[in-house]
C-alpha atoms as a PDB file:
ATOM      1  CA  MET A   1     -37.404  44.282  73.451  1.00  0.00           C
ATOM      2  CA  LYS A   2     -39.297  41.931  71.187  1.00  0.00           C
ATOM      3  CA  THR A   3     -43.050  42.033  71.570  1.00  0.00           C
ATOM      4  CA  SER A   4     -44.961  38.824  72.088  1.00  0.00           C
ATOM      5  CA  ARG A   5     -47.367  37.545  69.494  1.00  0.00           C
ATOM      6  CA  PHE A   6     -49.703  36.614  72.336  1.00  0.00           C
ATOM      7  CA  SER A   7     -51.511  39.134  74.508  1.00  0.00           C
ATOM      8  CA  GLU A   8     -51.481  38.779  78.270  1.00  0.00           C
ATOM      9  CA  GLU A   9     -55.077  37.566  78.226  1.00  0.00           C
ATOM     10  CA  GLN A  10     -54.198  34.869  75.689  1.00  0.00           C
ATOM     11  CA  ILE A  11     -51.225  33.797  77.791  1.00  0.00           C
ATOM     12  CA  THR A  12     -53.365  33.420  80.909  1.00  0.00           C
ATOM     13  CA  SER A  13     -55.953  31.438  78.959  1.00  0.00           C
ATOM     14  CA  ILE A  14     -53.237  29.102  77.652  1.00  0.00           C
ATOM     15  CA  LEU A  15     -51.929  28.565  81.172  1.00  0.00           C
ATOM     16  CA  GLN A  16     -55.423  27.989  82.541  1.00  0.00           C
ATOM     17  CA  GLN A  17     -56.169  25.543  79.728  1.00  0.00           C
ATOM     18  CA  ALA A  18     -53.143  23.446  80.646  1.00  0.00           C
ATOM     19  CA  GLU A  19     -54.136  23.370  84.317  1.00  0.00           C
ATOM     20  CA  ARG A  20     -57.869  22.979  83.771  1.00  0.00           C
ATOM     21  CA  ASP A  21     -57.891  20.266  81.088  1.00  0.00           C
ATOM     22  CA  GLY A  22     -55.024  18.315  82.586  1.00  0.00           C
ATOM     23  CA  ILE A  23     -53.118  18.003  79.323  1.00  0.00           C
ATOM     24  CA  THR A  24     -49.347  17.872  79.352  1.00  0.00           C
ATOM     25  CA  VAL A  25     -47.106  20.878  78.859  1.00  0.00           C
ATOM     26  CA  GLU A  26     -45.680  19.357  75.677  1.00  0.00           C
ATOM     27  CA  GLU A  27     -49.153  19.117  74.128  1.00  0.00           C
ATOM     28  CA  VAL A  28     -50.003  22.700  75.032  1.00  0.00           C
ATOM     29  CA  CYS A  29     -46.700  23.944  73.605  1.00  0.00           C
ATOM     30  CA  ARG A  30     -47.183  21.973  70.396  1.00  0.00           C
ATOM     31  CA  LYS A  31     -50.761  23.189  70.007  1.00  0.00           C
ATOM     32  CA  HIS A  32     -49.860  26.870  70.383  1.00  0.00           C
ATOM     33  CA  GLY A  33     -46.433  26.733  68.744  1.00  0.00           C
ATOM     34  CA  ILE A  34     -44.366  27.815  71.723  1.00  0.00           C
ATOM     35  CA  HIS A  35     -41.282  26.416  73.415  1.00  0.00           C
ATOM     36  CA  LYS A  36     -41.381  24.738  76.818  1.00  0.00           C
ATOM     37  CA  GLN A  37     -39.122  27.431  78.263  1.00  0.00           C
ATOM     38  CA  THR A  38     -41.562  30.075  77.046  1.00  0.00           C
ATOM     39  CA  TYR A  39     -44.396  28.241  78.768  1.00  0.00           C
ATOM     40  CA  TYR A  40     -42.523  28.058  82.058  1.00  0.00           C
ATOM     41  CA  GLY A  41     -41.482  31.713  81.796  1.00  0.00           C
ATOM     42  CA  TRP A  42     -45.131  32.663  81.325  1.00  0.00           C
ATOM     43  CA  LYS A  43     -46.096  30.449  84.235  1.00  0.00           C
ATOM     44  CA  LYS A  44     -43.517  32.180  86.412  1.00  0.00           C
ATOM     45  CA  LYS A  45     -44.832  35.629  85.475  1.00  0.00           C
ATOM     46  CA  PHE A  46     -48.575  35.035  85.027  1.00  0.00           C
ATOM     47  CA  GLY A  47     -49.185  31.857  87.042  1.00  0.00           C
ATOM     48  CA  GLY A  48     -52.473  31.934  88.934  1.00  0.00           C
ATOM     49  CA  MET A  49     -53.643  35.165  87.298  1.00  0.00           C
ATOM     50  CA  GLU A  50     -56.856  35.781  85.426  1.00  0.00           C
ATOM     51  CA  GLY A  51     -57.650  38.341  82.753  1.00  0.00           C
ATOM     52  CA  SER A  52     -58.738  40.985  85.255  1.00  0.00           C
ATOM     53  CA  ASP A  53     -55.555  40.493  87.270  1.00  0.00           C
ATOM     54  CA  VAL A  54     -53.447  41.013  84.155  1.00  0.00           C
ATOM     55  CA  ALA A  55     -55.323  44.202  83.305  1.00  0.00           C
ATOM     56  CA  ARG A  56     -54.757  45.480  86.845  1.00  0.00           C
ATOM     57  CA  LEU A  57     -51.058  44.586  86.603  1.00  0.00           C
ATOM     58  CA  ARG A  58     -50.741  46.483  83.318  1.00  0.00           C
ATOM     59  CA  ALA A  59     -52.478  49.524  84.834  1.00  0.00           C
ATOM     60  CA  LEU A  60     -50.148  49.458  87.831  1.00  0.00           C
ATOM     61  CA  GLU A  61     -47.091  49.207  85.585  1.00  0.00           C
ATOM     62  CA  THR A  62     -48.162  52.224  83.514  1.00  0.00           C
ATOM     63  CA  GLU A  63     -48.885  54.218  86.671  1.00  0.00           C
ATOM     64  CA  ASN A  64     -45.493  53.245  88.085  1.00  0.00           C
ATOM     65  CA  ASN A  65     -43.734  54.354  84.886  1.00  0.00           C
ATOM     66  CA  ARG A  66     -45.595  57.678  84.947  1.00  0.00           C
ATOM     67  CA  LEU A  67     -44.595  58.310  88.556  1.00  0.00           C
ATOM     68  CA  LYS A  68     -40.964  57.412  87.835  1.00  0.00           C
ATOM     69  CA  ARG A  69     -40.880  59.953  84.980  1.00  0.00           C
ATOM     70  CA  ALA A  70     -42.450  62.607  87.211  1.00  0.00           C
ATOM     71  CA  LEU A  71     -39.888  61.954  89.942  1.00  0.00           C
ATOM     72  CA  ALA A  72     -37.012  62.104  87.445  1.00  0.00           C
ATOM     73  CA  ASP A  73     -38.295  65.437  86.096  1.00  0.00           C
ATOM     74  CA  ALA A  74     -38.599  66.856  89.619  1.00  0.00           C
ATOM     75  CA  MET A  75     -35.103  65.715  90.533  1.00  0.00           C
ATOM     76  CA  LEU A  76     -33.716  67.246  87.342  1.00  0.00           C
ATOM     77  CA  ASP A  77     -35.435  70.558  88.074  1.00  0.00           C
ATOM     78  CA  ASN A  78     -34.081  70.487  91.634  1.00  0.00           C
ATOM     79  CA  GLN A  79     -30.547  69.838  90.388  1.00  0.00           C
ATOM     80  CA  ILE A  80     -30.742  72.687  87.878  1.00  0.00           C
ATOM     81  CA  LEU A  81     -31.934  75.090  90.578  1.00  0.00           C
ATOM     82  CA  LYS A  82     -29.075  74.063  92.872  1.00  0.00           C
ATOM     83  CA  GLU A  83     -26.551  74.675  90.099  1.00  0.00           C
ATOM     84  CA  LEU A  84     -28.010  78.116  89.378  1.00  0.00           C
ATOM     85  CA  ASN A  85     -27.895  79.086  93.058  1.00  0.00           C
ATOM     86  CA  ALA A  86     -24.283  77.911  93.353  1.00  0.00           C
ATOM     87  CA  LYS A  87     -23.230  80.070  90.400  1.00  0.00           C
ATOM     88  CA  LYS A  88     -24.870  83.176  91.842  1.00  0.00           C
ATOM     89  CA  TRP A  89     -22.802  83.050  95.026  1.00  0.00           C
END
């Protein structure tokens, strides 16, 4: 997946600037060199968030990924133990 050239904090500040200053979407996109679809995709994902909210979201995503890996490891260990017990009988 391609990484963005803007950080999440920069994205939220761009979105807030458009809402706060009342300038049009076209002007914001031209100023920052982004496409209108990119702007609306950001608005869909980060709309109404602030910098602290984005940091909390990132922390929750990393925690979720860590828990998913732990669950996958536990399930793999459980499956291996079941296969070993089945072979013994």
